[in-house]
Amino acid sequence: MLAGFAPLTDTRTRLLVLGSFPGVASLDAAQYYAHPRNQFWPIVGQLLGLDLKAMAYEDRLAAVRERGLGIWDVYAACEREGSLDSAIQQAEFNDFASLIPTLPLLRGIAHNGGESARAQRFTASFGVPVFKLPSTSPANASWSFERKLAAWRRVFAECGLIEP
């Protein structure tokens, strides 16, 4: 079994973005969204007006936390060969029921991609809007960067991370 990461949240979190489970590059680096072609950090950086890719990882985490963005994954552990979501087996869900009460300002939960969005049946019960966003993974080549950015912009604005 592979083990995922702890949540990146605090009491300022207004939007919780949930991936499915870290890919091989992320697990190897022990960092969220570490694959060099994953568009998560460029999209979030553009939305927040920060060059997150140029920052040290710990500074990146502090910057997004400060602006109300939380990051976690749907699965706490799973079996998987490679990085594709379609290869996930024996997945164990993260403990959302314990995390959500620690986020008093939470205004939304956003699923980063289709596999994560399969958990909407759970996350919809937490009393905040739930959004399905296009995956930032390099495997999602059917969406351009600009199209992904526009979808993410709407959710960031609705949850108060940026101006509409």
N, C-alpha and C. Protein backbone atom coordinates (compact mmCIF):
# COMPACT_ATOMS: atom_id res chain seq x y z
N MET A 1 0.85 -1.20 0.00
CA MET A 1 0.00 0.00 0.00
C MET A 1 0.88 1.25 0.00
N LEU A 2 0.47 2.19 -0.80
CA LEU A 2 1.11 3.50 -0.83
C LEU A 2 0.35 4.43 0.11
N ALA A 3 1.06 5.30 0.81
CA ALA A 3 0.43 6.24 1.74
C ALA A 3 0.52 7.65 1.16
N GLY A 4 -0.57 8.41 1.28
CA GLY A 4 -0.62 9.78 0.80
C GLY A 4 -0.06 10.76 1.82
N PHE A 5 -0.41 12.01 1.64
CA PHE A 5 0.13 13.10 2.45
C PHE A 5 -0.91 13.61 3.46
N ALA A 6 -0.40 14.31 4.46
CA ALA A 6 -1.27 14.99 5.41
C ALA A 6 -1.94 16.17 4.72
N PRO A 7 -3.08 16.60 5.24
CA PRO A 7 -3.74 17.76 4.62
C PRO A 7 -2.92 19.03 4.83
N LEU A 8 -2.97 19.90 3.84
CA LEU A 8 -2.37 21.23 3.94
C LEU A 8 -3.52 22.19 4.16
N THR A 9 -3.88 22.39 5.41
CA THR A 9 -5.00 23.25 5.77
C THR A 9 -4.68 23.96 7.07
N ASP A 10 -5.46 24.98 7.36
CA ASP A 10 -5.46 25.59 8.68
C ASP A 10 -6.78 26.33 8.85
N THR A 11 -6.93 27.08 9.90
CA THR A 11 -8.21 27.72 10.20
C THR A 11 -8.58 28.80 9.18
N ARG A 12 -7.65 29.19 8.30
CA ARG A 12 -7.93 30.19 7.26
C ARG A 12 -8.47 29.57 5.97
N THR A 13 -8.49 28.25 5.88
CA THR A 13 -8.87 27.57 4.63
C THR A 13 -10.31 27.89 4.25
N ARG A 14 -10.45 28.48 3.05
CA ARG A 14 -11.79 28.77 2.51
C ARG A 14 -12.15 27.82 1.38
N LEU A 15 -11.14 27.33 0.66
CA LEU A 15 -11.35 26.38 -0.42
C LEU A 15 -10.41 25.20 -0.22
N LEU A 16 -10.98 24.01 -0.20
CA LEU A 16 -10.19 22.78 -0.08
C LEU A 16 -10.18 22.10 -1.43
N VAL A 17 -9.01 22.02 -2.06
CA VAL A 17 -8.85 21.32 -3.33
C VAL A 17 -8.40 19.89 -3.04
N LEU A 18 -9.16 18.95 -3.59
CA LEU A 18 -8.87 17.54 -3.38
C LEU A 18 -8.42 16.89 -4.67
N GLY A 19 -7.21 16.36 -4.67
CA GLY A 19 -6.77 15.50 -5.76
C GLY A 19 -7.26 14.09 -5.48
N SER A 20 -6.85 13.15 -6.29
CA SER A 20 -7.22 11.76 -6.03
C SER A 20 -6.19 11.13 -5.09
N PHE A 21 -4.96 11.01 -5.57
CA PHE A 21 -3.86 10.44 -4.81
C PHE A 21 -2.57 10.90 -5.48
N PRO A 22 -1.51 11.17 -4.72
CA PRO A 22 -0.27 11.66 -5.34
C PRO A 22 0.30 10.69 -6.37
N GLY A 23 0.79 11.25 -7.46
CA GLY A 23 1.47 10.45 -8.48
C GLY A 23 2.86 10.05 -8.01
N VAL A 24 3.53 9.26 -8.84
CA VAL A 24 4.85 8.76 -8.50
C VAL A 24 5.83 9.90 -8.24
N ALA A 25 5.84 10.93 -9.10
CA ALA A 25 6.77 12.05 -8.92
C ALA A 25 6.51 12.76 -7.59
N SER A 26 5.24 12.91 -7.23
CA SER A 26 4.90 13.57 -5.96
C SER A 26 5.30 12.72 -4.77
N LEU A 27 5.04 11.43 -4.86
CA LEU A 27 5.43 10.53 -3.75
C LEU A 27 6.95 10.52 -3.59
N ASP A 28 7.67 10.46 -4.72
CA ASP A 28 9.14 10.45 -4.66
C ASP A 28 9.69 11.74 -4.04
N ALA A 29 9.07 12.87 -4.39
CA ALA A 29 9.53 14.17 -3.89
C ALA A 29 8.92 14.53 -2.54
N ALA A 30 7.91 13.76 -2.10
CA ALA A 30 7.15 14.06 -0.89
C ALA A 30 6.57 15.47 -0.97
N GLN A 31 6.00 15.80 -2.15
CA GLN A 31 5.42 17.12 -2.39
C GLN A 31 4.14 16.99 -3.21
N TYR A 32 3.15 17.79 -2.86
CA TYR A 32 1.95 17.85 -3.67
C TYR A 32 2.29 18.37 -5.07
N TYR A 33 1.73 17.74 -6.08
CA TYR A 33 1.81 18.18 -7.48
C TYR A 33 3.25 18.43 -7.93
N ALA A 34 4.12 17.44 -7.72
CA ALA A 34 5.54 17.59 -8.03
C ALA A 34 5.89 17.29 -9.49
N HIS A 35 5.01 16.64 -10.24
CA HIS A 35 5.35 16.35 -11.63
C HIS A 35 5.57 17.67 -12.37
N PRO A 36 6.68 17.81 -13.09
CA PRO A 36 6.99 19.10 -13.72
C PRO A 36 5.96 19.56 -14.75
N ARG A 37 5.17 18.64 -15.31
CA ARG A 37 4.17 19.05 -16.30
C ARG A 37 2.78 19.20 -15.70
N ASN A 38 2.64 18.94 -14.40
CA ASN A 38 1.33 19.16 -13.78
C ASN A 38 1.10 20.67 -13.72
N GLN A 39 -0.09 21.09 -14.06
CA GLN A 39 -0.38 22.53 -14.15
C GLN A 39 -0.96 23.12 -12.87
N PHE A 40 -1.00 22.35 -11.79
CA PHE A 40 -1.58 22.85 -10.55
C PHE A 40 -0.89 24.14 -10.09
N TRP A 41 0.41 24.10 -9.90
CA TRP A 41 1.12 25.27 -9.35
C TRP A 41 1.08 26.46 -10.32
N PRO A 42 1.25 26.26 -11.63
CA PRO A 42 1.11 27.42 -12.53
C PRO A 42 -0.30 28.03 -12.52
N ILE A 43 -1.34 27.20 -12.47
CA ILE A 43 -2.70 27.72 -12.43
C ILE A 43 -2.95 28.48 -11.14
N VAL A 44 -2.65 27.86 -10.02
CA VAL A 44 -2.88 28.52 -8.73
C VAL A 44 -2.04 29.79 -8.62
N GLY A 45 -0.80 29.71 -9.07
CA GLY A 45 0.07 30.89 -9.04
C GLY A 45 -0.49 32.04 -9.86
N GLN A 46 -0.97 31.74 -11.05
CA GLN A 46 -1.53 32.80 -11.89
C GLN A 46 -2.76 33.40 -11.23
N LEU A 47 -3.61 32.57 -10.65
CA LEU A 47 -4.82 33.07 -10.00
C LEU A 47 -4.50 33.94 -8.80
N LEU A 48 -3.49 33.57 -8.04
CA LEU A 48 -3.14 34.30 -6.83
C LEU A 48 -2.12 35.42 -7.08
N GLY A 49 -1.63 35.53 -8.33
CA GLY A 49 -0.66 36.57 -8.65
C GLY A 49 0.72 36.30 -8.06
N LEU A 50 1.09 35.03 -7.98
CA LEU A 50 2.37 34.63 -7.39
C LEU A 50 3.11 33.69 -8.33
N ASP A 51 4.44 33.77 -8.35
CA ASP A 51 5.23 32.81 -9.12
C ASP A 51 5.56 31.63 -8.20
N LEU A 52 4.56 30.79 -7.99
CA LEU A 52 4.72 29.67 -7.06
C LEU A 52 5.79 28.69 -7.50
N LYS A 53 5.92 28.47 -8.81
CA LYS A 53 6.93 27.52 -9.31
C LYS A 53 8.35 27.96 -8.96
N ALA A 54 8.57 29.27 -8.82
CA ALA A 54 9.90 29.79 -8.51
C ALA A 54 10.20 29.71 -7.01
N MET A 55 9.18 29.49 -6.20
CA MET A 55 9.36 29.45 -4.74
C MET A 55 9.81 28.07 -4.27
N ALA A 56 10.52 28.07 -3.17
CA ALA A 56 10.81 26.81 -2.49
C ALA A 56 9.48 26.19 -2.08
N TYR A 57 9.41 24.88 -2.03
CA TYR A 57 8.16 24.18 -1.77
C TYR A 57 7.50 24.65 -0.47
N GLU A 58 8.24 24.77 0.60
CA GLU A 58 7.66 25.19 1.88
C GLU A 58 7.09 26.61 1.80
N ASP A 59 7.75 27.49 1.04
CA ASP A 59 7.25 28.85 0.85
C ASP A 59 5.96 28.84 0.04
N ARG A 60 5.90 27.95 -0.95
CA ARG A 60 4.70 27.78 -1.77
C ARG A 60 3.51 27.38 -0.89
N LEU A 61 3.76 26.40 -0.03
CA LEU A 61 2.70 25.93 0.87
C LEU A 61 2.23 27.05 1.80
N ALA A 62 3.16 27.80 2.35
CA ALA A 62 2.80 28.90 3.24
C ALA A 62 1.99 29.96 2.49
N ALA A 63 2.37 30.24 1.25
CA ALA A 63 1.69 31.28 0.46
C ALA A 63 0.24 30.89 0.16
N VAL A 64 0.00 29.64 -0.21
CA VAL A 64 -1.37 29.25 -0.53
C VAL A 64 -2.22 29.13 0.73
N ARG A 65 -1.62 28.64 1.80
CA ARG A 65 -2.35 28.55 3.08
C ARG A 65 -2.76 29.93 3.55
N GLU A 66 -1.86 30.89 3.43
CA GLU A 66 -2.12 32.26 3.86
C GLU A 66 -3.30 32.87 3.08
N ARG A 67 -3.46 32.45 1.85
CA ARG A 67 -4.52 33.00 1.00
C ARG A 67 -5.81 32.18 1.03
N GLY A 68 -5.87 31.19 1.92
CA GLY A 68 -7.12 30.45 2.14
C GLY A 68 -7.29 29.18 1.34
N LEU A 69 -6.22 28.71 0.69
CA LEU A 69 -6.31 27.48 -0.10
C LEU A 69 -5.78 26.31 0.71
N GLY A 70 -6.58 25.27 0.79
CA GLY A 70 -6.16 24.01 1.39
C GLY A 70 -6.00 22.95 0.31
N ILE A 71 -5.11 22.00 0.55
CA ILE A 71 -4.83 20.94 -0.42
C ILE A 71 -4.83 19.60 0.32
N TRP A 72 -5.49 18.62 -0.28
CA TRP A 72 -5.47 17.26 0.25
C TRP A 72 -5.85 16.33 -0.88
N ASP A 73 -6.02 15.08 -0.57
CA ASP A 73 -6.44 14.09 -1.56
C ASP A 73 -7.63 13.32 -1.04
N VAL A 74 -8.35 12.74 -1.94
CA VAL A 74 -9.51 11.92 -1.58
C VAL A 74 -9.05 10.64 -0.86
N TYR A 75 -7.97 10.05 -1.38
CA TYR A 75 -7.51 8.77 -0.83
C TYR A 75 -6.32 8.94 0.10
N ALA A 76 -6.37 8.26 1.22
CA ALA A 76 -5.27 8.25 2.17
C ALA A 76 -4.21 7.23 1.78
N ALA A 77 -4.66 6.15 1.16
CA ALA A 77 -3.76 5.06 0.79
C ALA A 77 -4.40 4.27 -0.34
N CYS A 78 -3.56 3.61 -1.11
CA CYS A 78 -4.06 2.75 -2.18
C CYS A 78 -2.93 1.89 -2.71
N GLU A 79 -3.31 0.96 -3.56
CA GLU A 79 -2.33 0.21 -4.34
C GLU A 79 -2.42 0.76 -5.75
N ARG A 80 -1.24 0.96 -6.38
CA ARG A 80 -1.24 1.49 -7.74
C ARG A 80 0.13 1.29 -8.35
N GLU A 81 0.14 0.84 -9.59
CA GLU A 81 1.36 0.82 -10.40
C GLU A 81 1.34 2.07 -11.26
N GLY A 82 2.38 2.87 -11.23
CA GLY A 82 2.43 4.09 -12.01
C GLY A 82 1.63 5.20 -11.35
N SER A 83 1.20 6.17 -12.18
CA SER A 83 0.53 7.35 -11.64
C SER A 83 -0.91 7.53 -12.09
N LEU A 84 -1.37 6.70 -13.01
CA LEU A 84 -2.71 6.89 -13.54
C LEU A 84 -3.79 6.58 -12.51
N ASP A 85 -4.79 7.45 -12.45
CA ASP A 85 -5.92 7.22 -11.54
C ASP A 85 -6.62 5.91 -11.85
N SER A 86 -6.65 5.54 -13.12
CA SER A 86 -7.34 4.30 -13.50
C SER A 86 -6.67 3.06 -12.92
N ALA A 87 -5.43 3.20 -12.43
CA ALA A 87 -4.71 2.07 -11.84
C ALA A 87 -4.90 1.98 -10.33
N ILE A 88 -5.62 2.90 -9.73
CA ILE A 88 -5.83 2.89 -8.28
C ILE A 88 -6.69 1.69 -7.88
N GLN A 89 -6.21 0.95 -6.90
CA GLN A 89 -6.95 -0.20 -6.37
C GLN A 89 -6.88 -0.17 -4.85
N GLN A 90 -7.84 -0.82 -4.22
CA GLN A 90 -7.87 -0.94 -2.75
C GLN A 90 -7.72 0.42 -2.07
N ALA A 91 -8.40 1.42 -2.60
CA ALA A 91 -8.27 2.78 -2.08
C ALA A 91 -8.97 2.93 -0.73
N GLU A 92 -8.33 3.66 0.16
CA GLU A 92 -8.89 3.99 1.47
C GLU A 92 -9.08 5.50 1.53
N PHE A 93 -10.29 5.94 1.88
CA PHE A 93 -10.60 7.36 1.92
C PHE A 93 -9.91 8.06 3.09
N ASN A 94 -9.58 9.32 2.86
CA ASN A 94 -9.10 10.16 3.95
C ASN A 94 -10.24 10.45 4.92
N ASP A 95 -9.90 10.87 6.11
CA ASP A 95 -10.88 11.11 7.18
C ASP A 95 -11.39 12.55 7.10
N PHE A 96 -12.31 12.77 6.16
CA PHE A 96 -12.89 14.11 5.98
C PHE A 96 -13.72 14.53 7.19
N ALA A 97 -14.39 13.59 7.80
CA ALA A 97 -15.27 13.91 8.94
C ALA A 97 -14.49 14.54 10.08
N SER A 98 -13.23 14.18 10.25
CA SER A 98 -12.40 14.80 11.29
C SER A 98 -11.81 16.13 10.84
N LEU A 99 -11.53 16.27 9.54
CA LEU A 99 -10.90 17.49 9.05
C LEU A 99 -11.88 18.66 8.94
N ILE A 100 -13.04 18.44 8.37
CA ILE A 100 -13.96 19.53 8.05
C ILE A 100 -14.30 20.41 9.25
N PRO A 101 -14.56 19.85 10.44
CA PRO A 101 -14.86 20.72 11.59
C PRO A 101 -13.72 21.65 12.00
N THR A 102 -12.49 21.39 11.52
CA THR A 102 -11.34 22.24 11.86
C THR A 102 -11.18 23.40 10.89
N LEU A 103 -12.13 23.51 9.92
CA LEU A 103 -12.04 24.54 8.88
C LEU A 103 -13.24 25.48 8.98
N PRO A 104 -13.22 26.41 9.95
CA PRO A 104 -14.40 27.23 10.21
C PRO A 104 -14.78 28.19 9.08
N LEU A 105 -13.84 28.54 8.20
CA LEU A 105 -14.11 29.47 7.11
C LEU A 105 -14.37 28.78 5.77
N LEU A 106 -14.45 27.46 5.77
CA LEU A 106 -14.58 26.70 4.53
C LEU A 106 -15.82 27.13 3.75
N ARG A 107 -15.59 27.51 2.48
CA ARG A 107 -16.68 27.96 1.61
C ARG A 107 -16.89 27.04 0.41
N GLY A 108 -15.99 26.08 0.21
CA GLY A 108 -16.14 25.17 -0.92
C GLY A 108 -15.11 24.07 -0.92
N ILE A 109 -15.47 22.98 -1.59
CA ILE A 109 -14.57 21.86 -1.81
C ILE A 109 -14.51 21.67 -3.32
N ALA A 110 -13.31 21.61 -3.86
CA ALA A 110 -13.13 21.44 -5.31
C ALA A 110 -12.38 20.15 -5.58
N HIS A 111 -12.94 19.34 -6.44
CA HIS A 111 -12.29 18.09 -6.84
C HIS A 111 -11.46 18.35 -8.08
N ASN A 112 -10.18 18.04 -7.99
CA ASN A 112 -9.24 18.22 -9.09
C ASN A 112 -9.26 16.95 -9.95
N GLY A 113 -10.21 16.91 -10.90
CA GLY A 113 -10.28 15.79 -11.83
C GLY A 113 -11.38 14.79 -11.50
N GLY A 114 -11.59 13.89 -12.44
CA GLY A 114 -12.70 12.95 -12.38
C GLY A 114 -12.61 11.92 -11.28
N GLU A 115 -11.44 11.35 -11.04
CA GLU A 115 -11.34 10.33 -9.99
C GLU A 115 -11.62 10.95 -8.63
N SER A 116 -11.09 12.12 -8.38
CA SER A 116 -11.39 12.81 -7.13
C SER A 116 -12.89 13.08 -7.02
N ALA A 117 -13.49 13.51 -8.13
CA ALA A 117 -14.92 13.87 -8.13
C ALA A 117 -15.83 12.68 -7.83
N ARG A 118 -15.33 11.49 -7.97
CA ARG A 118 -16.15 10.32 -7.60
C ARG A 118 -16.51 10.34 -6.12
N ALA A 119 -15.76 11.10 -5.33
CA ALA A 119 -16.02 11.20 -3.89
C ALA A 119 -17.06 12.27 -3.56
N GLN A 120 -17.65 12.90 -4.57
CA GLN A 120 -18.63 13.95 -4.31
C GLN A 120 -19.79 13.46 -3.46
N ARG A 121 -20.10 12.20 -3.52
CA ARG A 121 -21.20 11.68 -2.69
C ARG A 121 -20.88 11.83 -1.20
N PHE A 122 -19.59 11.86 -0.86
CA PHE A 122 -19.19 12.09 0.54
C PHE A 122 -19.04 13.58 0.82
N THR A 123 -18.33 14.28 -0.05
CA THR A 123 -18.02 15.68 0.23
C THR A 123 -19.25 16.58 0.14
N ALA A 124 -20.27 16.14 -0.58
CA ALA A 124 -21.50 16.94 -0.68
C ALA A 124 -22.25 17.02 0.64
N SER A 125 -21.91 16.14 1.58
CA SER A 125 -22.62 16.13 2.87
C SER A 125 -22.05 17.11 3.89
N PHE A 126 -21.03 17.89 3.51
CA PHE A 126 -20.37 18.76 4.48
C PHE A 126 -20.94 20.17 4.53
N GLY A 127 -21.99 20.44 3.78
CA GLY A 127 -22.69 21.71 3.91
C GLY A 127 -22.06 22.89 3.19
N VAL A 128 -21.12 22.64 2.29
CA VAL A 128 -20.54 23.70 1.47
C VAL A 128 -20.65 23.29 0.01
N PRO A 129 -20.61 24.26 -0.91
CA PRO A 129 -20.66 23.90 -2.33
C PRO A 129 -19.49 22.98 -2.71
N VAL A 130 -19.76 22.08 -3.62
CA VAL A 130 -18.75 21.15 -4.12
C VAL A 130 -18.63 21.35 -5.63
N PHE A 131 -17.39 21.45 -6.10
CA PHE A 131 -17.11 21.74 -7.50
C PHE A 131 -16.26 20.64 -8.11
N LYS A 132 -16.50 20.36 -9.38
CA LYS A 132 -15.63 19.45 -10.13
C LYS A 132 -14.81 20.30 -11.08
N LEU A 133 -13.49 20.30 -10.88
CA LEU A 133 -12.59 21.06 -11.73
C LEU A 133 -11.87 20.14 -12.71
N PRO A 134 -11.46 20.68 -13.86
CA PRO A 134 -10.67 19.86 -14.78
C PRO A 134 -9.33 19.53 -14.15
N SER A 135 -8.90 18.32 -14.34
CA SER A 135 -7.64 17.87 -13.77
C SER A 135 -6.47 18.69 -14.28
N THR A 136 -5.54 18.98 -13.39
CA THR A 136 -4.31 19.69 -13.76
C THR A 136 -3.23 18.72 -14.22
N SER A 137 -3.52 17.44 -14.19
CA SER A 137 -2.56 16.40 -14.57
C SER A 137 -2.17 16.53 -16.04
N PRO A 138 -0.91 16.19 -16.36
CA PRO A 138 -0.53 16.19 -17.78
C PRO A 138 -1.32 15.16 -18.59
N ALA A 139 -1.94 14.19 -17.93
CA ALA A 139 -2.77 13.21 -18.63
C ALA A 139 -4.05 13.86 -19.18
N ASN A 140 -4.44 15.02 -18.66
CA ASN A 140 -5.63 15.72 -19.14
C ASN A 140 -5.23 16.72 -20.22
N ALA A 141 -4.84 16.18 -21.37
CA ALA A 141 -4.35 17.03 -22.47
C ALA A 141 -5.49 17.59 -23.32
N SER A 142 -6.71 17.13 -23.09
CA SER A 142 -7.83 17.61 -23.91
C SER A 142 -8.27 19.02 -23.52
N TRP A 143 -7.87 19.49 -22.35
CA TRP A 143 -8.19 20.86 -21.91
C TRP A 143 -6.92 21.70 -22.04
N SER A 144 -7.02 22.85 -22.65
CA SER A 144 -5.88 23.77 -22.74
C SER A 144 -5.65 24.40 -21.36
N PHE A 145 -4.46 24.96 -21.19
CA PHE A 145 -4.15 25.67 -19.96
C PHE A 145 -5.17 26.78 -19.72
N GLU A 146 -5.48 27.55 -20.76
CA GLU A 146 -6.39 28.68 -20.63
C GLU A 146 -7.79 28.23 -20.22
N ARG A 147 -8.25 27.12 -20.76
CA ARG A 147 -9.58 26.60 -20.42
C ARG A 147 -9.61 26.12 -18.96
N LYS A 148 -8.56 25.43 -18.55
CA LYS A 148 -8.46 25.00 -17.14
C LYS A 148 -8.43 26.21 -16.22
N LEU A 149 -7.61 27.20 -16.58
CA LEU A 149 -7.48 28.41 -15.77
C LEU A 149 -8.82 29.09 -15.60
N ALA A 150 -9.61 29.19 -16.65
CA ALA A 150 -10.92 29.84 -16.55
C ALA A 150 -11.84 29.08 -15.60
N ALA A 151 -11.84 27.76 -15.65
CA ALA A 151 -12.68 26.96 -14.76
C ALA A 151 -12.23 27.12 -13.31
N TRP A 152 -10.95 27.08 -13.09
CA TRP A 152 -10.42 27.25 -11.74
C TRP A 152 -10.68 28.67 -11.22
N ARG A 153 -10.59 29.66 -12.11
CA ARG A 153 -10.82 31.06 -11.71
C ARG A 153 -12.23 31.23 -11.13
N ARG A 154 -13.23 30.64 -11.78
CA ARG A 154 -14.62 30.75 -11.30
C ARG A 154 -14.76 30.22 -9.88
N VAL A 155 -14.14 29.09 -9.59
CA VAL A 155 -14.25 28.48 -8.26
C VAL A 155 -13.48 29.31 -7.23
N PHE A 156 -12.29 29.77 -7.57
CA PHE A 156 -11.52 30.60 -6.64
C PHE A 156 -12.29 31.87 -6.31
N ALA A 157 -12.94 32.47 -7.30
CA ALA A 157 -13.72 33.68 -7.05
C ALA A 157 -14.94 33.38 -6.19
N GLU A 158 -15.63 32.31 -6.49
CA GLU A 158 -16.84 31.97 -5.73
C GLU A 158 -16.53 31.68 -4.26
N CYS A 159 -15.34 31.17 -4.00
CA CYS A 159 -14.97 30.85 -2.62
C CYS A 159 -14.18 31.96 -1.93
N GLY A 160 -14.05 33.11 -2.59
CA GLY A 160 -13.46 34.28 -1.97
C GLY A 160 -11.95 34.33 -1.93
N LEU A 161 -11.27 33.52 -2.75
CA LEU A 161 -9.80 33.58 -2.77
C LEU A 161 -9.30 34.68 -3.68
N ILE A 162 -10.10 35.04 -4.69
CA ILE A 162 -9.75 36.12 -5.61
C ILE A 162 -11.00 36.94 -5.88
N GLU A 163 -10.82 38.12 -6.43
CA GLU A 163 -11.95 38.96 -6.82
C GLU A 163 -12.63 38.37 -8.06
N PRO A 164 -13.96 38.45 -8.12
CA PRO A 164 -14.66 37.92 -9.31
C PRO A 164 -14.31 38.69 -10.56
